[in-house]
Amino acid sequence: MSRRVLPFAAIIGVVIMLAFFYRGLQLDPKILPSALIDKPVPSFNLPQLHDAAKSFAPEEMKGKVWLLNVWASWCEACRSEHPLFMQLSRTGDFPIYGLNYKDKQVDGEQWLRELGDPYKVSMSDLAGDVGIDFGVYGVPETFLIDKDGVIRYKHVGPISRKDWREIIEPKMIELNQLKGQ
């Protein structure tokens, strides 16, 4: 009897495994779960990229909806989203703050001089500690933070115009319209 059950159990196991693989192929790789969604922004105080004598802490943004974009000069994918951030920064409607991740200060500054600087402030996370606190998998990653300093959305990879138009901008508009969370 066990000779008949063993092959049947193996077939069932393979079918179940194939079902999980098939389900995995249907998932969007840009959507990675984050334990920080609906949690307060990790506390930090980092030097500003352009002036290390000045610092930035997320507490300064209380009462504002803002984006935190994690980028680096060595990141090719960051280049593809950069023109969109430049366009958005010209409107001034949505504040974008940069977290220069595991990058030399001089390289980050040169990159922004060459491509333009869309950030209200860019912080230098040379060791990557703040990126780790945010659960950064790689760059670019962008976090949408509400008026109370709570992370409401995480975008992994470069933001396309479609991502902006269909996901991020509507969320930012909604959060800006809320009186208080």
Protein backbone atom coordinates (compact mmCIF):
# COMPACT_ATOMS: atom_id res chain seq x y z
CA MET A 1 0.00 0.00 0.00
CA SER A 2 2.82 2.46 0.81
CA ARG A 3 4.24 1.91 -2.69
CA ARG A 4 1.09 3.43 -4.18
CA VAL A 5 0.84 6.28 -1.69
CA LEU A 6 4.42 7.51 -2.06
CA PRO A 7 4.25 8.34 -5.81
CA PHE A 8 0.83 9.94 -5.30
CA ALA A 9 2.19 12.09 -2.44
CA ALA A 10 5.17 13.11 -4.58
CA ILE A 11 2.87 14.18 -7.43
CA ILE A 12 0.69 16.18 -5.03
CA GLY A 13 3.82 17.85 -3.63
CA VAL A 14 5.02 18.83 -7.12
CA VAL A 15 1.58 20.22 -8.02
CA ILE A 16 1.51 22.33 -4.85
CA MET A 17 5.03 23.61 -5.51
CA LEU A 18 4.11 24.53 -9.12
CA ALA A 19 1.06 26.41 -7.83
CA PHE A 20 3.29 28.52 -5.55
CA PHE A 21 5.74 29.20 -8.40
CA TYR A 22 2.87 30.20 -10.70
CA ARG A 23 1.48 32.55 -8.03
CA GLY A 24 4.92 34.07 -7.56
CA LEU A 25 5.15 34.87 -11.27
CA GLN A 26 1.95 36.92 -10.99
CA LEU A 27 3.38 39.26 -8.33
CA ASP A 28 4.76 42.71 -9.14
CA PRO A 29 8.49 42.78 -8.25
CA LYS A 30 8.25 46.51 -7.48
CA ILE A 31 5.89 45.77 -4.63
CA LEU A 32 7.94 44.39 -1.78
CA PRO A 33 6.32 44.12 1.60
CA SER A 34 7.67 46.54 4.15
CA ALA A 35 7.26 46.17 7.88
CA LEU A 36 7.44 49.97 8.08
CA ILE A 37 4.18 50.71 6.22
CA ASP A 38 1.86 52.51 8.68
CA LYS A 39 4.75 52.88 11.15
CA PRO A 40 6.62 56.05 12.12
CA VAL A 41 9.68 57.05 10.11
CA PRO A 42 12.83 55.72 11.77
CA SER A 43 14.47 58.45 13.81
CA PHE A 44 17.70 59.82 12.39
CA ASN A 45 19.78 62.96 12.19
CA LEU A 46 22.12 63.06 9.19
CA PRO A 47 24.45 65.67 7.74
CA GLN A 48 23.24 67.42 4.63
CA LEU A 49 25.08 66.43 1.48
CA HIS A 50 25.88 69.99 0.41
CA ASP A 51 26.81 71.25 3.87
CA ALA A 52 27.91 68.68 6.45
CA ALA A 53 27.73 71.36 9.15
CA LYS A 54 23.94 71.31 8.74
CA SER A 55 21.82 68.29 9.51
CA PHE A 56 18.34 66.99 8.78
CA ALA A 57 15.93 65.01 10.94
CA PRO A 58 12.47 63.80 9.86
CA GLU A 59 10.89 65.67 12.79
CA GLU A 60 11.42 68.82 10.70
CA MET A 61 8.73 67.55 8.31
CA LYS A 62 5.90 67.17 10.84
CA GLY A 63 2.71 68.55 9.35
CA LYS A 64 3.86 67.96 5.74
CA VAL A 65 3.43 65.12 3.27
CA TRP A 66 6.77 64.35 1.64
CA LEU A 67 8.79 61.87 -0.37
CA LEU A 68 12.10 60.40 0.71
CA ASN A 69 14.04 59.15 -2.30
CA VAL A 70 16.99 56.87 -1.62
CA TRP A 71 19.55 57.34 -4.41
CA ALA A 72 23.25 57.11 -5.24
CA SER A 73 25.56 58.44 -7.93
CA TRP A 74 26.62 54.89 -8.80
CA CYS A 75 22.99 53.83 -9.39
CA GLU A 76 22.05 53.59 -13.06
CA ALA A 77 18.35 53.08 -12.28
CA CYS A 78 18.39 56.35 -10.31
CA ARG A 79 19.26 58.16 -13.55
CA SER A 80 16.08 56.92 -15.21
CA GLU A 81 13.76 58.41 -12.57
CA HIS A 82 15.77 61.61 -12.11
CA PRO A 83 14.14 63.62 -14.97
CA LEU A 84 10.72 62.98 -13.42
CA PHE A 85 11.95 64.24 -10.04
CA MET A 86 13.39 67.32 -11.74
CA GLN A 87 10.01 68.01 -13.35
CA LEU A 88 8.17 67.49 -10.06
CA SER A 89 10.57 69.75 -8.16
CA ARG A 90 9.86 72.61 -10.57
CA THR A 91 6.16 72.59 -9.63
CA GLY A 92 6.96 72.70 -5.93
CA ASP A 93 3.73 70.83 -5.17
CA PHE A 94 5.36 67.76 -3.63
CA PRO A 95 8.50 68.11 -1.52
CA ILE A 96 11.17 65.54 -2.35
CA TYR A 97 14.02 64.86 0.05
CA GLY A 98 17.00 62.77 -0.92
CA LEU A 99 18.94 60.16 1.00
CA ASN A 100 22.31 59.73 -0.70
CA TYR A 101 23.00 56.09 0.11
CA LYS A 102 26.48 54.61 0.58
CA ASP A 103 28.00 57.24 -1.66
CA LYS A 104 30.97 59.57 -1.39
CA GLN A 105 29.94 63.15 -0.76
CA VAL A 106 31.93 64.45 -3.72
CA ASP A 107 30.35 61.90 -6.09
CA GLY A 108 26.83 62.71 -4.90
CA GLU A 109 27.40 66.45 -5.26
CA GLN A 110 28.90 66.04 -8.75
CA TRP A 111 25.97 63.87 -9.85
CA LEU A 112 23.48 66.53 -8.72
CA ARG A 113 25.50 69.30 -10.42
CA GLU A 114 25.46 67.36 -13.70
CA LEU A 115 21.83 66.17 -13.65
CA GLY A 116 20.18 68.85 -11.54
CA ASP A 117 19.09 68.80 -7.92
CA PRO A 118 15.39 68.06 -7.38
CA TYR A 119 15.71 67.69 -3.61
CA LYS A 120 14.74 70.24 -0.99
CA VAL A 121 17.53 68.67 1.08
CA SER A 122 19.72 65.67 0.43
CA MET A 123 21.23 63.83 3.38
CA SER A 124 24.43 61.82 3.34
CA ASP A 125 24.07 58.21 4.55
CA LEU A 126 27.65 57.20 3.90
CA ALA A 127 27.59 54.03 6.03
CA GLY A 128 24.07 53.08 4.95
CA ASP A 129 22.78 52.83 8.53
CA VAL A 130 19.63 54.89 7.90
CA GLY A 131 18.97 52.93 4.73
CA ILE A 132 19.12 49.76 6.81
CA ASP A 133 16.67 51.27 9.32
CA PHE A 134 14.28 51.91 6.40
CA GLY A 135 14.72 48.34 5.15
CA VAL A 136 16.27 49.46 1.87
CA TYR A 137 16.89 46.52 -0.48
CA GLY A 138 18.70 48.62 -3.06
CA VAL A 139 18.50 51.96 -4.79
CA PRO A 140 16.37 53.64 -5.86
CA GLU A 141 13.62 53.30 -3.31
CA THR A 142 11.09 55.97 -2.45
CA PHE A 143 8.98 56.38 0.67
CA LEU A 144 5.78 58.42 0.97
CA ILE A 145 5.50 59.92 4.44
CA ASP A 146 2.39 61.57 5.86
CA LYS A 147 1.90 64.66 8.02
CA ASP A 148 2.38 62.66 11.21
CA GLY A 149 5.68 61.18 10.08
CA VAL A 150 4.19 57.78 9.22
CA ILE A 151 5.33 55.82 6.17
CA ARG A 152 2.30 55.23 3.95
CA TYR A 153 3.88 53.77 0.81
CA LYS A 154 7.17 52.30 -0.37
CA HIS A 155 8.18 52.12 -4.02
CA VAL A 156 11.07 49.85 -4.98
CA GLY A 157 12.95 50.67 -8.17
CA PRO A 158 12.77 53.72 -10.40
CA ILE A 159 9.50 55.64 -10.43
CA SER A 160 8.02 55.90 -13.91
CA ARG A 161 5.58 58.58 -15.02
CA LYS A 162 2.86 55.92 -14.89
CA ASP A 163 3.82 54.98 -11.30
CA TRP A 164 3.69 58.64 -10.37
CA ARG A 165 0.38 59.37 -12.09
CA GLU A 166 -1.47 56.20 -11.05
CA ILE A 167 -0.10 55.45 -7.58
CA ILE A 168 2.02 58.05 -5.85
CA GLU A 169 0.45 61.36 -6.85
CA PRO A 170 -3.10 60.25 -5.89
CA LYS A 171 -1.82 59.00 -2.53
CA MET A 172 0.00 62.29 -1.92
CA ILE A 173 -3.08 64.32 -2.85
CA GLU A 174 -5.23 62.20 -0.53
CA LEU A 175 -2.79 62.55 2.36
CA ASN A 176 -2.51 66.32 1.83
CA GLN A 177 -6.30 66.63 2.01
CA LEU A 178 -6.52 64.86 5.37
CA LYS A 179 -6.63 67.33 8.25
CA GLY A 180 -4.85 65.03 10.67
CA GLN A 181 -4.29 61.34 10.86
